[in-house]
Amino acid sequence: MRAMFTHREKRYRTLSDTMKNRFGKKVFKVPLNGGFTCPNKDGTKGEGGCIYCSPSGSGDFNADYRLPLEKQYETVKKKLLKKWPDAYTMPYFQANTNTYKPVGALRKLFEEALTLDENIVGLSVATRCDALSEEKIDLLDELNDRTYIQLELGLQTVNPRTAALINRGHDLKCFDDAVGKLRKRGIDVVVHIINGLPFENEDDMLRTIEHLNSLDIQGLKIHMLHVMKHTPLEDMYQEGIFKLLTRAEYVDITVKQIERLNPDVVLHRLTGDAPKETLIAPAWTAKKFVVMNEIDKLLRKKDTYQGIYHG
């Protein structure tokens, strides 16, 4: 296991390497906006959404949903091809809850996305565990028989008090059940968690990793909490109700999470970014690659790697 991660620059299982091994060359995601809303915003499960969620529903870098999918796709692809001219692509429905439409509408949207380009090798869909009916899982299963489907689920934390505070709108059992149902169909699951949520300590964040280790997941995205304009979290932050992690604290905790994470899980993200015009804090998150480099440096300094303390 040690040799797997220490002979390269990265001491964890990267998405880039995993996709290259699977498809033979670079694969990049193309964010698409399907015009979805969220059951935690429209009153079905809750109102207002999670307290940190921006009005765009985490789709701040997405195109206008009113544009045809083809236009959205070509605009983003053109930019990314400048960096990776010889690459496959994967449409990525990111903003809000991307299974929160009737099955017929989802089928039409996903089928269209998969036919936008001959170089498309799969589809990535971000959603909530409480927006996955059996019919919708059936559709994803059907598509997964024809192409590669990657389903992203937001968990953020396993602490029930924090989940209530951030207005997540579902319990841990709902999440665990959804993972189980998706995995029975052979659909890859990528989980989102957030470090630095109000009043959480290091033990809370490490317990989230330990719980994920008990589940059959294939990928993980680790984010730092962003305080965005026009969110309830902004009000809490301005009132001084909680403190954000420093960059050093975030790097230290993230490295400890990597050390405990199942080594078979692919790390899709180690930090996040937000538009400068809407980001309140922490300012250090704007330099995403600096944060990633600091994580790599600490892993090398400690001579450690993903999964060293797993099991």
Protein backbone atom coordinates (compact mmCIF):
# COMPACT_ATOMS: atom_id res chain seq x y z
CA MET A 1 0.00 0.00 0.00
CA ARG A 2 2.81 2.40 0.85
CA ALA A 3 4.38 2.07 -2.61
CA MET A 4 1.06 2.88 -4.25
CA PHE A 5 1.09 6.46 -2.99
CA THR A 6 4.67 7.37 -2.15
CA HIS A 7 6.37 6.87 -5.52
CA ARG A 8 4.39 9.75 -7.03
CA GLU A 9 3.89 13.40 -6.19
CA LYS A 10 0.42 12.66 -4.82
CA ARG A 11 0.03 10.46 -1.77
CA TYR A 12 -3.62 9.74 -2.32
CA ARG A 13 -5.80 8.24 -5.02
CA THR A 14 -6.51 11.03 -7.52
CA LEU A 15 -9.46 11.43 -9.84
CA SER A 16 -7.20 12.28 -12.77
CA ASP A 17 -5.23 9.03 -12.52
CA THR A 18 -8.35 6.97 -11.90
CA MET A 19 -10.12 8.28 -15.00
CA LYS A 20 -7.01 7.88 -17.15
CA ASN A 21 -6.73 4.27 -16.03
CA ARG A 22 -10.39 3.67 -16.78
CA PHE A 23 -10.72 5.43 -20.14
CA GLY A 24 -7.16 5.61 -21.43
CA LYS A 25 -6.71 9.38 -21.32
CA LYS A 26 -7.68 12.59 -19.55
CA VAL A 27 -11.38 13.12 -18.77
CA PHE A 28 -12.76 16.49 -17.69
CA LYS A 29 -16.22 17.37 -16.45
CA VAL A 30 -18.35 19.94 -18.27
CA PRO A 31 -20.77 21.65 -15.83
CA LEU A 32 -24.32 21.95 -17.15
CA ASN A 33 -27.28 23.75 -15.62
CA GLY A 34 -30.50 21.79 -15.97
CA GLY A 35 -32.68 24.41 -14.29
CA PHE A 36 -33.24 22.35 -11.14
CA THR A 37 -34.41 23.61 -7.79
CA CYS A 38 -34.20 21.83 -4.43
CA PRO A 39 -36.72 20.09 -2.13
CA ASN A 40 -34.98 21.80 0.77
CA LYS A 41 -35.81 25.20 -0.70
CA ASP A 42 -39.34 24.91 -2.09
CA GLY A 43 -41.00 23.61 1.09
CA THR A 44 -41.12 19.92 0.15
CA LYS A 45 -38.43 19.03 2.70
CA GLY A 46 -37.64 22.47 4.02
CA GLU A 47 -37.33 26.12 3.17
CA GLY A 48 -34.33 28.33 2.52
CA GLY A 49 -31.98 25.45 1.80
CA CYS A 50 -28.80 24.69 3.74
CA ILE A 51 -27.56 27.79 5.54
CA TYR A 52 -24.35 27.98 3.47
CA CYS A 53 -25.97 27.41 0.07
CA SER A 54 -25.69 30.32 -2.36
CA PRO A 55 -28.71 31.38 -4.44
CA SER A 56 -27.20 29.45 -7.37
CA GLY A 57 -27.29 26.20 -5.40
CA SER A 58 -23.53 25.57 -5.62
CA GLY A 59 -23.63 26.28 -9.34
CA ASP A 60 -21.82 29.61 -9.21
CA PHE A 61 -19.62 28.71 -12.16
CA ASN A 62 -22.39 27.16 -14.24
CA ALA A 63 -23.90 28.64 -17.39
CA ASP A 64 -27.37 30.18 -17.55
CA TYR A 65 -29.94 27.38 -17.34
CA ARG A 66 -32.02 29.14 -20.01
CA LEU A 67 -29.35 28.41 -22.60
CA PRO A 68 -29.73 25.16 -24.57
CA LEU A 69 -27.60 22.32 -23.21
CA GLU A 70 -25.63 22.22 -26.44
CA LYS A 71 -24.69 25.89 -26.09
CA GLN A 72 -23.70 25.43 -22.43
CA TYR A 73 -21.64 22.38 -23.26
CA GLU A 74 -19.79 23.86 -26.22
CA THR A 75 -18.97 27.08 -24.33
CA VAL A 76 -17.36 25.28 -21.39
CA LYS A 77 -15.73 22.57 -23.50
CA LYS A 78 -14.03 25.14 -25.70
CA LYS A 79 -12.32 26.69 -22.68
CA LEU A 80 -11.22 23.38 -21.17
CA LEU A 81 -9.90 21.99 -24.44
CA LYS A 82 -7.33 24.79 -24.46
CA LYS A 83 -5.80 23.12 -21.41
CA TRP A 84 -6.49 19.50 -22.39
CA PRO A 85 -6.80 19.36 -26.20
CA ASP A 86 -6.89 15.56 -26.31
CA ALA A 87 -9.42 14.56 -23.69
CA TYR A 88 -12.74 12.85 -23.17
CA THR A 89 -15.58 14.70 -21.50
CA MET A 90 -18.29 14.03 -18.95
CA PRO A 91 -21.38 16.28 -18.67
CA TYR A 92 -21.89 17.28 -15.03
CA PHE A 93 -25.25 18.40 -13.65
CA GLN A 94 -24.14 20.31 -10.57
CA ALA A 95 -26.39 23.17 -9.44
CA ASN A 96 -29.09 22.40 -6.86
CA THR A 97 -30.69 18.91 -6.79
CA ASN A 98 -30.29 17.25 -10.17
CA THR A 99 -32.80 14.44 -9.78
CA TYR A 100 -35.55 16.77 -8.57
CA LYS A 101 -37.78 16.51 -11.63
CA PRO A 102 -40.22 13.87 -12.89
CA VAL A 103 -38.57 10.76 -14.32
CA GLY A 104 -39.69 11.61 -17.85
CA ALA A 105 -38.04 15.02 -17.71
CA LEU A 106 -34.86 13.52 -16.25
CA ARG A 107 -34.70 10.91 -18.99
CA LYS A 108 -35.02 13.55 -21.70
CA LEU A 109 -32.37 15.77 -20.10
CA PHE A 110 -29.83 13.04 -19.39
CA GLU A 111 -30.28 11.42 -22.80
CA GLU A 112 -29.70 14.76 -24.49
CA ALA A 113 -26.57 15.39 -22.43
CA LEU A 114 -25.08 12.03 -23.38
CA THR A 115 -25.49 12.75 -27.10
CA LEU A 116 -23.85 16.20 -27.12
CA ASP A 117 -20.46 14.89 -28.21
CA GLU A 118 -18.94 11.64 -29.47
CA ASN A 119 -16.14 12.06 -26.91
CA ILE A 120 -18.51 11.83 -23.92
CA VAL A 121 -17.68 8.81 -21.74
CA GLY A 122 -20.22 9.20 -18.94
CA LEU A 123 -22.48 11.42 -16.89
CA SER A 124 -22.08 12.93 -13.42
CA VAL A 125 -25.17 13.94 -11.44
CA ALA A 126 -25.17 15.79 -8.09
CA THR A 127 -28.25 15.34 -5.94
CA ARG A 128 -29.71 14.70 -2.48
CA CYS A 129 -30.51 11.37 -0.90
CA ASP A 130 -34.14 12.44 -0.40
CA ALA A 131 -34.64 13.07 -4.13
CA LEU A 132 -33.95 9.52 -5.28
CA SER A 133 -37.13 7.51 -5.73
CA GLU A 134 -36.99 3.92 -6.94
CA GLU A 135 -38.08 5.09 -10.39
CA LYS A 136 -35.21 7.55 -10.57
CA ILE A 137 -32.71 4.94 -9.43
CA ASP A 138 -34.14 2.63 -12.11
CA LEU A 139 -33.40 5.31 -14.71
CA LEU A 140 -29.84 5.79 -13.45
CA ASP A 141 -29.38 2.02 -13.47
CA GLU A 142 -30.59 1.83 -17.07
CA LEU A 143 -28.17 4.58 -18.13
CA ASN A 144 -25.36 2.93 -16.17
CA ASP A 145 -25.76 -0.17 -18.33
CA ARG A 146 -24.93 1.94 -21.38
CA THR A 147 -22.35 4.39 -20.07
CA TYR A 148 -20.55 5.40 -16.89
CA ILE A 149 -22.80 7.06 -14.31
CA GLN A 150 -21.38 8.87 -11.30
CA LEU A 151 -23.87 9.97 -8.61
CA GLU A 152 -22.79 12.69 -6.15
CA LEU A 153 -24.49 12.91 -2.76
CA GLY A 154 -24.13 15.67 -0.19
CA LEU A 155 -23.57 14.49 3.39
CA GLN A 156 -21.42 17.30 4.85
CA THR A 157 -21.31 15.77 8.36
CA VAL A 158 -22.51 12.80 10.42
CA ASN A 159 -23.09 14.97 13.49
CA PRO A 160 -26.90 15.23 13.89
CA ARG A 161 -26.69 18.51 15.79
CA THR A 162 -24.67 20.10 13.02
CA ALA A 163 -27.02 18.66 10.39
CA ALA A 164 -29.95 20.35 12.14
CA LEU A 165 -28.03 23.62 12.52
CA ILE A 166 -27.15 23.80 8.81
CA ASN A 167 -30.74 22.88 7.88
CA ARG A 168 -29.65 19.84 5.86
CA GLY A 169 -33.20 18.52 5.79
CA HIS A 170 -32.53 14.77 5.97
CA ASP A 171 -31.10 12.33 8.50
CA LEU A 172 -28.12 10.01 8.27
CA LYS A 173 -30.30 6.95 7.66
CA CYS A 174 -31.71 8.54 4.51
CA PHE A 175 -28.18 9.05 3.24
CA ASP A 176 -26.99 5.55 4.16
CA ASP A 177 -30.06 3.95 2.56
CA ALA A 178 -29.52 5.89 -0.67
CA VAL A 179 -25.89 4.77 -0.87
CA GLY A 180 -26.96 1.17 -0.36
CA LYS A 181 -29.62 1.31 -3.08
CA LEU A 182 -27.27 2.91 -5.59
CA ARG A 183 -24.51 0.42 -4.92
CA LYS A 184 -26.89 -2.52 -5.36
CA ARG A 185 -27.26 -1.26 -8.94
CA GLY A 186 -23.52 -0.85 -9.37
CA ILE A 187 -23.69 2.96 -9.57
CA ASP A 188 -20.59 4.78 -8.32
CA VAL A 189 -21.23 7.13 -5.40
CA VAL A 190 -19.19 10.28 -4.70
CA VAL A 191 -19.82 11.98 -1.34
CA HIS A 192 -19.44 15.65 -0.42
CA ILE A 193 -18.33 16.67 3.09
CA ILE A 194 -17.52 20.09 4.56
CA ASN A 195 -14.77 20.87 7.04
CA GLY A 196 -15.15 23.80 9.40
CA LEU A 197 -18.92 23.71 9.89
CA PRO A 198 -20.06 25.83 12.87
CA PHE A 199 -19.07 24.38 16.26
CA GLU A 200 -17.56 21.22 14.83
CA ASN A 201 -14.17 20.11 16.10
CA GLU A 202 -11.53 17.81 14.68
CA ASP A 203 -13.16 14.73 16.23
CA ASP A 204 -16.43 15.52 14.45
CA MET A 205 -14.69 15.78 11.09
CA LEU A 206 -12.74 12.56 11.61
CA ARG A 207 -15.91 10.73 12.69
CA THR A 208 -17.46 11.69 9.35
CA ILE A 209 -14.59 9.92 7.59
CA GLU A 210 -14.92 6.86 9.81
CA HIS A 211 -18.61 6.60 8.97
CA LEU A 212 -17.90 6.86 5.26
CA ASN A 213 -15.36 4.07 5.64
CA SER A 214 -18.22 1.84 6.78
CA LEU A 215 -20.08 2.44 3.51
CA ASP A 216 -19.42 1.31 -0.05
CA ILE A 217 -18.50 4.63 -1.65
CA GLN A 218 -16.16 5.22 -4.59
CA GLY A 219 -15.31 8.90 -4.30
CA LEU A 220 -15.05 11.80 -1.86
CA LYS A 221 -15.06 15.57 -2.21
CA ILE A 222 -13.72 17.53 0.76
CA HIS A 223 -14.70 21.20 0.96
CA MET A 224 -13.84 24.03 3.30
CA LEU A 225 -16.87 25.93 4.56
CA HIS A 226 -17.42 29.08 2.50
CA VAL A 227 -19.33 32.04 3.87
CA MET A 228 -21.20 33.44 0.89
CA LYS A 229 -23.15 36.65 0.48
CA HIS A 230 -26.92 36.50 0.90
CA THR A 231 -26.93 33.33 3.00
CA PRO A 232 -28.03 32.70 6.61
CA LEU A 233 -24.46 31.65 7.32
CA GLU A 234 -23.29 35.16 6.44
CA ASP A 235 -25.47 36.58 9.21
CA MET A 236 -24.08 34.08 11.73
CA TYR A 237 -20.54 34.89 10.70
CA GLN A 238 -20.99 38.66 10.86
CA GLU A 239 -22.45 38.28 14.35
CA GLY A 240 -19.36 36.38 15.45
CA ILE A 241 -21.31 33.27 16.42
CA PHE A 242 -18.63 30.86 15.17
CA LYS A 243 -15.04 30.85 13.96
CA LEU A 244 -13.72 29.56 10.66
CA LEU A 245 -10.73 27.27 10.35
CA THR A 246 -7.41 28.84 9.46
CA ARG A 247 -5.62 27.49 6.40
CA ALA A 248 -3.13 25.64 8.61
CA GLU A 249 -5.94 24.07 10.64
CA TYR A 250 -7.78 23.02 7.50
CA VAL A 251 -4.66 21.47 5.97
CA ASP A 252 -3.86 19.57 9.18
CA ILE A 253 -7.38 18.16 9.55
CA THR A 254 -7.66 17.25 5.87
CA VAL A 255 -4.36 15.34 6.01
CA LYS A 256 -5.64 13.42 9.05
CA GLN A 257 -8.82 12.59 7.13
CA ILE A 258 -6.77 11.35 4.16
CA GLU A 259 -4.70 9.16 6.50
CA ARG A 260 -7.88 7.50 7.80
CA LEU A 261 -9.77 7.25 4.51
CA ASN A 262 -10.23 3.88 2.82
CA PRO A 263 -7.37 3.78 0.26
CA ASP A 264 -9.75 2.50 -2.43
CA VAL A 265 -11.79 5.73 -2.35
CA VAL A 266 -10.91 8.30 -5.02
CA LEU A 267 -10.34 11.85 -3.78
CA HIS A 268 -12.12 14.11 -6.29
CA ARG A 269 -11.52 17.33 -4.39
CA LEU A 270 -9.46 18.50 -1.41
CA THR A 271 -10.80 22.02 -1.22
CA GLY A 272 -13.32 24.22 -2.98
CA ASP A 273 -13.51 27.66 -4.51
CA ALA A 274 -16.13 30.35 -4.77
CA PRO A 275 -16.58 33.48 -6.90
CA LYS A 276 -14.58 36.34 -5.39
CA GLU A 277 -17.51 38.70 -5.77
CA THR A 278 -19.74 36.60 -3.51
CA LEU A 279 -17.19 35.14 -1.08
CA ILE A 280 -17.18 36.68 2.40
CA ALA A 281 -14.66 34.37 4.06
CA PRO A 282 -12.23 32.72 4.44
CA ALA A 283 -10.11 34.67 1.98
CA TRP A 284 -7.42 31.98 1.86
CA THR A 285 -9.78 29.60 0.02
CA ALA A 286 -9.52 31.82 -3.06
CA LYS A 287 -6.04 30.36 -3.65
CA LYS A 288 -7.17 26.78 -4.18
CA PHE A 289 -3.91 25.48 -5.61
CA VAL A 290 -1.95 26.92 -2.68
CA VAL A 291 -4.16 24.93 -0.30
CA MET A 292 -3.72 21.75 -2.35
CA ASN A 293 0.06 22.27 -2.42
CA GLU A 294 0.13 22.73 1.35
CA ILE A 295 -1.74 19.44 1.78
CA ASP A 296 0.77 17.67 -0.48
CA LYS A 297 3.68 19.25 1.41
CA LEU A 298 2.35 18.13 4.79
CA LEU A 299 1.77 14.58 3.54
CA ARG A 300 5.38 14.45 2.36
CA LYS A 301 6.71 16.07 5.54
CA LYS A 302 4.94 13.49 7.68
CA ASP A 303 5.89 10.72 5.22
CA THR A 304 2.28 9.60 5.26
CA TYR A 305 -0.40 8.68 2.71
CA GLN A 306 -4.06 7.81 2.16
CA GLY A 307 -5.27 4.94 4.31
CA ILE A 308 -2.20 4.57 6.52
CA TYR A 309 -4.51 4.47 9.56
CA HIS A 310 -7.49 2.87 7.85
CA GLY A 311 -8.87 -0.23 9.53
